Structures are given as C-alpha cells and as structure tokens.
Protein backbone atom coordinates (compact mmCIF):
# COMPACT_ATOMS: atom_id res chain seq x y z
CA MET A 1 -0.02 -0.07 0.11
CA MET A 2 2.83 2.45 0.87
CA LYS A 3 4.37 1.82 -2.53
CA LYS A 4 1.02 2.79 -4.29
CA LEU A 5 0.65 5.94 -2.31
CA LEU A 6 4.43 6.81 -3.18
CA LEU A 7 3.81 6.27 -6.74
CA LEU A 8 0.69 8.49 -6.85
CA ASN A 9 2.53 11.39 -4.89
CA ILE A 10 5.52 11.24 -7.31
CA PHE A 11 3.11 11.38 -10.12
CA THR A 12 1.25 14.20 -8.76
CA ILE A 13 4.22 16.29 -7.88
CA ASN A 14 5.80 15.86 -11.44
CA LEU A 15 2.64 17.02 -12.86
CA ILE A 16 2.41 20.16 -10.83
CA LEU A 17 6.10 21.12 -11.51
CA ALA A 18 5.46 20.62 -15.38
CA SER A 19 5.68 23.53 -17.83
CA SER A 20 3.08 26.15 -17.35
CA ILE A 21 2.93 27.65 -20.69
CA SER A 22 -0.52 28.08 -22.31
CA LYS A 23 -1.47 28.20 -25.85
CA VAL A 24 -5.39 28.54 -25.42
CA GLY A 25 -7.19 29.28 -28.59
CA THR A 26 -4.38 28.08 -30.94
CA SER A 27 -6.08 24.78 -32.06
CA SER A 28 -8.49 23.74 -34.65
CA ALA A 29 -11.16 20.98 -34.14
CA LYS A 30 -11.43 21.67 -30.43
CA PHE A 31 -14.68 19.47 -30.44
CA LEU A 32 -12.15 16.43 -30.25
CA SER A 33 -11.17 17.34 -26.79
CA VAL A 34 -14.87 17.54 -25.40
CA PRO A 35 -15.83 14.23 -23.32
CA VAL A 36 -18.53 12.75 -25.18
CA ASP A 37 -19.91 9.75 -22.93
CA ALA A 38 -21.59 9.40 -19.61
CA TRP A 39 -19.22 6.94 -18.18
CA GLY A 40 -16.09 8.66 -18.50
CA THR A 41 -17.54 12.22 -17.89
CA GLY A 42 -19.06 10.96 -14.66
CA ARG A 43 -15.62 10.01 -13.45
CA GLY A 44 -14.14 13.47 -14.17
CA GLY A 45 -12.30 12.17 -17.27
CA ALA A 46 -10.08 10.04 -15.02
CA VAL A 47 -10.41 6.88 -17.23
CA VAL A 48 -7.26 6.52 -19.29
CA THR A 49 -6.90 2.93 -17.68
CA GLY A 50 -10.19 1.87 -19.36
CA PHE A 51 -13.61 0.39 -18.45
CA GLU A 52 -15.76 -2.32 -19.88
CA ASP A 53 -17.86 -0.22 -22.38
CA PRO A 54 -17.33 0.70 -26.14
CA SER A 55 -17.03 4.31 -25.20
CA THR A 56 -13.64 3.51 -23.52
CA LEU A 57 -12.34 3.87 -27.04
CA PHE A 58 -12.62 7.60 -26.88
CA TRP A 59 -10.22 7.92 -23.95
CA ASN A 60 -7.63 5.05 -24.87
CA PRO A 61 -7.90 2.89 -27.80
CA ALA A 62 -5.86 0.07 -26.23
CA THR A 63 -8.73 -0.48 -23.52
CA ILE A 64 -11.19 -1.92 -25.98
CA THR A 65 -9.34 -5.17 -25.31
CA PHE A 66 -11.34 -5.33 -22.14
CA ILE A 67 -14.35 -6.09 -24.23
CA ASN A 68 -14.65 -9.71 -25.29
CA ARG A 69 -18.20 -9.60 -27.14
CA ILE A 70 -19.46 -7.55 -29.92
CA SER A 71 -20.77 -4.24 -28.51
CA THR A 72 -22.18 -1.02 -29.58
CA HIS A 73 -22.61 2.49 -27.98
CA PHE A 74 -24.51 5.65 -28.42
CA SER A 75 -24.15 8.85 -26.55
CA TYR A 76 -25.82 12.19 -26.53
CA THR A 77 -24.74 15.36 -24.75
CA LYS A 78 -26.48 18.67 -24.74
CA TRP A 79 -23.51 21.08 -24.39
CA PHE A 80 -23.14 24.82 -23.71
CA GLU A 81 -25.45 27.15 -25.79
CA ASP A 82 -27.38 24.38 -27.38
CA ILE A 83 -24.66 22.75 -29.03
CA ASN A 84 -25.24 18.94 -29.55
CA PHE A 85 -22.82 16.14 -29.46
CA ASN A 86 -23.45 12.65 -30.47
CA TYR A 87 -20.97 9.75 -30.36
CA ILE A 88 -21.40 6.23 -31.47
CA ALA A 89 -18.89 3.32 -31.32
CA THR A 90 -18.84 -0.32 -32.28
CA VAL A 91 -16.24 -2.94 -30.91
CA ILE A 92 -15.62 -6.22 -32.49
CA PRO A 93 -13.22 -8.56 -30.88
CA SER A 94 -11.37 -11.23 -33.06
CA ALA A 95 -8.76 -13.80 -32.57
CA SER A 96 -6.03 -11.55 -34.06
CA GLY A 97 -7.08 -8.26 -32.12
CA THR A 98 -10.01 -6.09 -31.32
CA LEU A 99 -11.59 -3.79 -34.03
CA GLY A 100 -13.31 -0.59 -33.24
CA ILE A 101 -15.48 1.85 -35.47
CA ASN A 102 -16.35 5.30 -33.91
CA ALA A 103 -17.75 8.58 -35.03
CA THR A 104 -18.29 11.92 -33.27
CA PHE A 105 -20.78 14.52 -34.50
CA TYR A 106 -20.94 18.01 -33.27
CA ASN A 107 -23.45 20.63 -34.42
CA THR A 108 -25.31 23.85 -33.47
CA ASP A 109 -28.88 24.85 -34.01
CA PRO A 110 -29.51 27.15 -36.91
CA ILE A 111 -27.91 30.66 -36.40
CA GLU A 112 -29.46 33.68 -38.08
CA VAL A 113 -27.22 35.59 -40.56
CA THR A 114 -26.69 39.32 -39.51
CA THR A 115 -24.88 41.95 -41.26
CA GLU A 116 -23.94 45.63 -40.64
CA LEU A 117 -27.05 46.84 -42.64
CA PHE A 118 -29.24 43.98 -41.45
CA GLN A 119 -28.58 43.74 -37.69
CA GLU A 120 -31.84 42.02 -37.01
CA GLY A 121 -31.14 39.30 -39.42
CA THR A 122 -31.17 38.76 -43.21
CA GLY A 123 -33.53 35.92 -43.15
CA GLU A 124 -30.77 33.39 -43.89
CA TYR A 125 -29.42 30.93 -41.36
CA TYR A 126 -26.23 28.82 -41.13
CA SER A 127 -24.96 26.15 -38.89
CA VAL A 128 -21.76 25.02 -37.48
CA ASN A 129 -20.88 21.38 -37.51
CA SER A 130 -17.85 19.09 -37.07
CA THR A 131 -17.28 15.23 -37.63
CA ALA A 132 -14.66 12.85 -36.89
CA ILE A 133 -14.99 9.16 -38.21
CA GLY A 134 -12.36 6.67 -36.87
CA PHE A 135 -11.26 3.00 -37.31
CA ALA A 136 -9.42 1.55 -34.29
CA TYR A 137 -7.25 -1.65 -33.74
CA ALA A 138 -6.04 -2.97 -30.31
CA ARG A 139 -4.14 -5.90 -29.33
CA SER A 140 -3.14 -7.56 -26.19
CA LEU A 141 0.74 -8.45 -26.31
CA THR A 142 0.71 -10.07 -23.08
CA ASP A 143 -2.02 -10.79 -20.39
CA LYS A 144 -0.76 -7.64 -18.70
CA PHE A 145 -0.16 -5.27 -21.48
CA ALA A 146 -1.96 -3.97 -24.50
CA ILE A 147 -1.49 -1.24 -27.18
CA GLY A 148 -3.97 0.28 -29.61
CA ALA A 149 -4.57 3.11 -32.24
CA ASN A 150 -7.55 4.84 -33.75
CA ALA A 151 -7.13 6.73 -37.01
CA LYS A 152 -9.58 9.59 -37.70
CA TYR A 153 -10.82 11.58 -40.52
CA ILE A 154 -11.84 15.06 -39.40
CA VAL A 155 -14.18 17.57 -41.09
CA GLU A 156 -15.23 21.08 -39.83
CA ASN A 157 -17.99 23.28 -41.52
CA ILE A 158 -19.10 26.81 -40.97
CA TYR A 159 -21.56 28.17 -43.49
CA HIS A 160 -20.04 27.43 -46.93
CA CYS A 161 -16.40 26.99 -45.50
CA SER A 162 -14.88 23.80 -44.47
CA ALA A 163 -11.50 22.16 -43.10
CA THR A 164 -10.30 18.68 -43.22
CA GLY A 165 -7.63 16.82 -41.46
CA PHE A 166 -6.37 13.34 -40.34
CA ALA A 167 -5.38 12.20 -36.78
CA ILE A 168 -4.39 9.29 -34.84
CA ASP A 169 -4.82 8.33 -31.26
CA ILE A 170 -2.24 5.85 -29.61
CA GLY A 171 -2.70 4.28 -26.38
CA GLY A 172 -1.49 1.49 -24.05
CA TYR A 173 -2.30 -0.05 -20.63
CA TYR A 174 -0.31 -2.01 -18.17
CA ILE A 175 -1.43 -4.25 -15.20
CA THR A 176 1.35 -3.68 -12.65
CA PRO A 177 2.80 -6.16 -10.45
CA TRP A 178 1.33 -4.41 -7.34
CA LYS A 179 -2.11 -5.83 -6.52
CA ASN A 180 -5.11 -4.04 -8.06
CA LEU A 181 -2.91 -1.19 -9.55
CA ARG A 182 -3.38 -0.52 -13.28
CA MET A 183 -1.59 2.19 -15.45
CA GLY A 184 -2.63 3.74 -18.86
CA PHE A 185 -1.49 6.22 -21.24
CA SER A 186 -2.92 7.78 -24.49
CA ILE A 187 -1.70 10.40 -27.17
CA SER A 188 -4.77 11.85 -28.65
CA ASN A 189 -5.13 13.93 -31.89
CA PHE A 190 -1.63 13.70 -33.42
CA GLY A 191 -2.06 14.63 -37.06
CA THR A 192 -2.19 17.24 -39.70
CA LYS A 193 -2.82 20.91 -39.65
CA MET A 194 -6.48 22.19 -40.58
CA GLN A 195 -7.22 25.30 -42.84
CA MET A 196 -10.60 26.79 -43.79
CA THR A 197 -11.39 27.07 -47.31
CA GLY A 198 -14.70 27.77 -49.28
CA GLU A 199 -16.86 30.32 -51.28
CA ASP A 200 -17.31 32.47 -48.22
CA LEU A 201 -13.67 33.43 -48.58
CA LEU A 202 -13.96 34.70 -52.14
CA VAL A 203 -13.52 38.42 -52.55
CA THR A 204 -13.37 40.67 -55.48
CA ILE A 205 -10.41 43.03 -55.42
CA ASP A 206 -8.46 45.72 -57.54
CA PRO A 207 -4.91 44.55 -57.47
CA ASP A 208 -3.64 47.91 -58.61
CA PRO A 209 -6.05 50.79 -57.51
CA SER A 210 -3.53 53.44 -58.72
CA ASN A 211 -3.75 52.23 -62.31
CA SER A 212 -7.13 53.05 -63.91
CA GLY A 213 -6.52 50.92 -66.90
CA ASN A 214 -6.39 47.56 -65.28
CA ASN A 215 -9.08 45.11 -64.46
CA ASP A 216 -10.48 46.08 -61.13
CA ASN A 217 -12.67 43.10 -60.67
CA ILE A 218 -10.28 40.28 -59.93
CA ASN A 219 -11.59 37.26 -58.06
CA ALA A 220 -9.31 36.07 -55.09
CA TYR A 221 -9.58 34.01 -51.93
CA TYR A 222 -8.62 35.06 -48.44
CA ALA A 223 -5.84 32.98 -47.35
CA THR A 224 -6.59 31.74 -43.88
CA ASP A 225 -4.07 30.31 -41.42
CA LYS A 226 -3.31 26.68 -40.72
CA PHE A 227 -3.96 25.42 -37.10
CA ASP A 228 -2.68 22.51 -35.28
CA LEU A 229 -5.16 19.88 -33.82
CA PRO A 230 -5.45 19.59 -29.98
CA LEU A 231 -2.75 17.31 -29.30
CA SER A 232 -2.87 15.87 -25.77
CA MET A 233 -1.06 13.32 -23.63
CA THR A 234 -2.72 11.42 -20.78
CA ILE A 235 -0.78 9.40 -18.14
CA GLY A 236 -2.97 7.66 -15.19
CA MET A 237 -3.09 5.13 -12.58
CA ALA A 238 -6.09 3.23 -11.14
CA TRP A 239 -6.58 1.28 -7.99
CA ASP A 240 -9.33 -1.26 -7.75
CA LYS A 241 -10.58 -2.55 -4.24
CA ILE A 242 -12.98 -5.71 -4.18
CA TYR A 243 -14.84 -6.13 -1.06
CA TRP A 244 -18.04 -8.01 0.10
CA GLY A 245 -18.10 -10.39 -2.84
CA ASN A 246 -18.18 -8.68 -6.26
CA ASN A 247 -18.69 -5.15 -5.01
CA LYS A 248 -15.77 -2.87 -6.10
CA ILE A 249 -14.26 0.69 -5.72
CA THR A 250 -12.22 2.19 -8.44
CA VAL A 251 -9.96 5.27 -7.67
CA GLU A 252 -8.26 7.04 -10.57
CA VAL A 253 -5.72 9.80 -11.02
CA ASP A 254 -4.81 11.14 -14.60
CA GLY A 255 -2.28 13.70 -15.61
CA ILE A 256 -3.40 15.62 -18.87
CA TYR A 257 -0.70 17.44 -20.80
CA PRO A 258 -2.57 19.26 -23.85
CA SER A 259 -0.83 21.34 -26.40
CA ASP A 260 -3.12 24.16 -26.29
CA ASN A 261 -3.59 24.72 -22.49
CA TYR A 262 -1.95 24.26 -19.09
CA ALA A 263 -1.36 20.70 -17.66
CA SER A 264 -3.90 19.51 -15.11
CA ILE A 265 -5.20 16.53 -13.21
CA ASN A 266 -8.30 14.62 -13.45
CA THR A 267 -9.42 12.55 -10.52
CA GLY A 268 -12.38 10.14 -10.25
CA ILE A 269 -14.16 7.49 -8.19
CA GLU A 270 -16.49 4.67 -8.95
CA TRP A 271 -18.47 2.30 -6.91
CA SER A 272 -19.58 -0.77 -8.44
CA MET A 273 -22.49 -2.68 -6.50
CA PHE A 274 -24.51 -5.72 -6.60
CA ASN A 275 -22.39 -7.84 -8.86
CA ASP A 276 -21.60 -5.00 -11.35
CA VAL A 277 -25.40 -3.98 -11.82
CA ILE A 278 -25.29 -0.54 -10.39
CA HIS A 279 -22.58 2.05 -10.80
CA LEU A 280 -22.13 5.43 -8.89
CA ARG A 281 -19.45 7.93 -9.95
CA SER A 282 -17.95 11.27 -9.27
CA GLY A 283 -14.89 13.26 -10.38
CA VAL A 284 -12.98 16.43 -10.45
CA SER A 285 -11.24 17.51 -13.82
CA ASP A 286 -8.97 20.42 -14.50
CA LEU A 287 -7.38 20.39 -11.09
CA PHE A 288 -4.36 22.84 -10.87
CA MET A 289 -5.31 24.48 -14.39
CA LYS A 290 -4.46 28.18 -14.24
CA SER A 291 -6.80 29.04 -16.90
CA ALA A 292 -9.94 27.31 -15.37
CA LYS A 293 -11.70 26.43 -12.22
CA PRO A 294 -12.07 22.62 -11.41
CA GLN A 295 -14.94 20.87 -13.01
CA TYR A 296 -17.01 18.57 -11.00
CA SER A 297 -18.93 15.63 -12.49
CA PHE A 298 -21.60 13.23 -11.06
CA GLY A 299 -23.16 10.12 -12.52
CA GLY A 300 -24.15 6.69 -12.53
CA GLY A 301 -25.46 3.67 -14.48
CA ILE A 302 -27.34 0.46 -14.72
CA ARG A 303 -25.86 -2.76 -16.33
CA TYR A 304 -28.40 -5.43 -16.72
CA PRO A 305 -28.83 -8.72 -18.70
CA ILE A 306 -31.59 -8.76 -21.33
CA LEU A 307 -32.99 -11.13 -23.98
CA GLY A 308 -30.82 -14.01 -22.72
CA LYS A 309 -27.03 -13.04 -22.90
CA MET A 310 -27.34 -9.55 -24.20
CA ILE A 311 -26.41 -6.80 -21.66
CA LEU A 312 -27.89 -3.33 -21.59
CA ASN A 313 -25.90 -0.58 -20.02
CA ILE A 314 -27.50 2.82 -19.44
CA ASN A 315 -25.34 5.60 -18.01
CA TYR A 316 -26.00 9.40 -17.01
CA ALA A 317 -23.57 12.04 -16.05
CA TYR A 318 -24.19 15.71 -14.66
CA GLN A 319 -21.74 18.59 -14.90
CA PRO A 320 -22.59 21.78 -13.04
CA SER A 321 -21.54 25.02 -14.57
CA ILE A 322 -21.03 28.59 -13.05
CA TYR A 323 -21.36 30.67 -16.21
CA PHE A 324 -23.42 28.50 -18.65
CA ARG A 325 -26.07 25.89 -18.54
CA ASN A 326 -25.35 22.67 -16.74
CA ASN A 327 -24.33 19.88 -19.05
CA GLU A 328 -26.05 16.53 -19.22
CA HIS A 329 -24.70 13.32 -20.76
CA PHE A 330 -26.71 10.23 -21.63
CA SER A 331 -25.19 7.00 -22.92
CA ILE A 332 -26.64 3.51 -23.84
CA SER A 333 -24.57 0.42 -24.75
CA ILE A 334 -25.47 -3.04 -25.74
CA ILE A 335 -23.32 -6.03 -25.48
CA PHE A 336 -24.35 -8.83 -27.61
C-alpha cells in the first residue's frame, strides 16, 4: 500500500511542476477534446486505464481489449449554448485483435445571419458542425499489457467553408505487479494541420488601385491560417478494491498534458455494487489548471442482462457550470 501511495505522490508532484505555458485558442477541431460519454464524464475524465464499455475507445484505444463480445454504444450530450454532441462506437473482438469503429458528431442549432445593414437578421441561417470518423485496432501483447490506435478523418464546416484533417490516437495500458494497480497512457489527436477554405472566402479586388486601366474586378480568396489539432497526452493510474463479494471501488488519477492549455489533473471514483449491476461515479477535472476552475462531475449507470445473454448498459452524467447552462450526458450500450 505504501508503494502505491508513493507512486501516486510522485506522479502528482511531477505534474504540478510541469511546464505552465498556455496556448489557449491556438487549435482547430477543439471538439475532439470534449468528453462525449456519460461513463467517462461521470468519473471526471479520469478513465485512461479503461472500463468495460465501447465508449472507452474515446479515452484510450488500447482499452477496447477489455471487451470480449461485440458491443455497440451511443451517447448524446447537450453542451453549452444548445450545442449537440453525438458519439457512436462499435467494438468487434477477434482472434487477431479487437476492432473498433467510432464517430463523433458536433452541431449547433441554426444561427441567423446578420450584417452591418441587417443587424436584426437577413432571413438566412447557417450552422456549424464538425465530424470525426475513426477506425481502431488494439491487441493484447501479454496478459498484462496492450496497445491500440485509432485513425480519424476530421471535417469542420461553418456556413459555406470547411476544413479537413487526419489524426491518430495511440494508447496502452499495463497491469502492474502491485495488486489491483493499473496504469494507462494515451496520445490523442496527433495529425495534420487544418485550414478553412470555401466560397465565403471569395472576394473581388482591384490589385492595382493606382492604375485606372487595369481590371479592377479580380476574383481572389482570403488565405486563412493553418492550425494544429488539440494534441494531448494523458498518463494515469487506477486502483481497484474488491470487497463484500463482487462489489468494487475504483479510484483513478490522470495527468493531462495538452498542447493548447496548461497541464492539469483529473481524479475520479466509481462504486460498483450488486455484482456490477449499479454504478455510482464522481470526479473532478482540470485540477491545478491556471486558466479554468475545477469541473465537478456526478453520474451513475445500470448494467443489466436482457434477452438472454445480451447486456444493456445505461449511464448518465451531470456537470454543473457557473457561467453557462449545466451539461447532461446520456449513454446507452448493448453487449451482444
């Protein structure tokens, strides 16, 4: 027990002493950093060591090796200012490894177009939406160590402009020699830069206003900047305590090192009761982050057999907010 506590203390101190340079607002496709499922969100995002649900793919692609049956997942999140998030994932185990298919959909309600002359609206509407579609593969190299990767195609749209990119998530987990202590790591959104292009950037200019004899109606496009994806590295440890038969408590601490913000810590706890039927969760994310206050999360779920061997897993998470409307996450999974 003393060795476990020592490891947690060293891990926490190293994170606090890490570089404190912030690059807030310098990344494209920021929706890739938003937690999309109720299980992980309910635990404060401290889930890099994985859990037995297809949505674990979002946090660490290596952890889909926990799932030994075909499973599918759907999540819906009502985010700030009527922003909608949907996430779907399917995990397919095989003899040569575990396959995963996943997609994240982000969209806003229609927004009315306003101009300097029509400040009450022109009667036109536009929307903002982003999509990431991924294909994952993970494999257990030993009974204690696994690795995995998730390759993603990313598209962002606003009105008549769009940007595309590619990214890969890489992860692994390790069951340590210390009893009930697990470790995990992930590197998320390592990929190309993204640049907005489209007809909304088309302008008509006069390249030489001082010359009255030239063509003063030349079509041109604004050259927008290219922005990096929100690259992030997560390293975490979880400790499981089994008591009274099959009841279990899991405590996890994750260190987050993003490319576009300060380093921080996510902590979470989960209580599994009645032979893994009922789950209660809570967590705190963004600890020690200079640019944000800690974000608290609460949630729970029911995991119950249906139609023979099928298992239905329903989860809910709640995040209070000081300045915006509170966030709610709903997830449903079926294990076939």
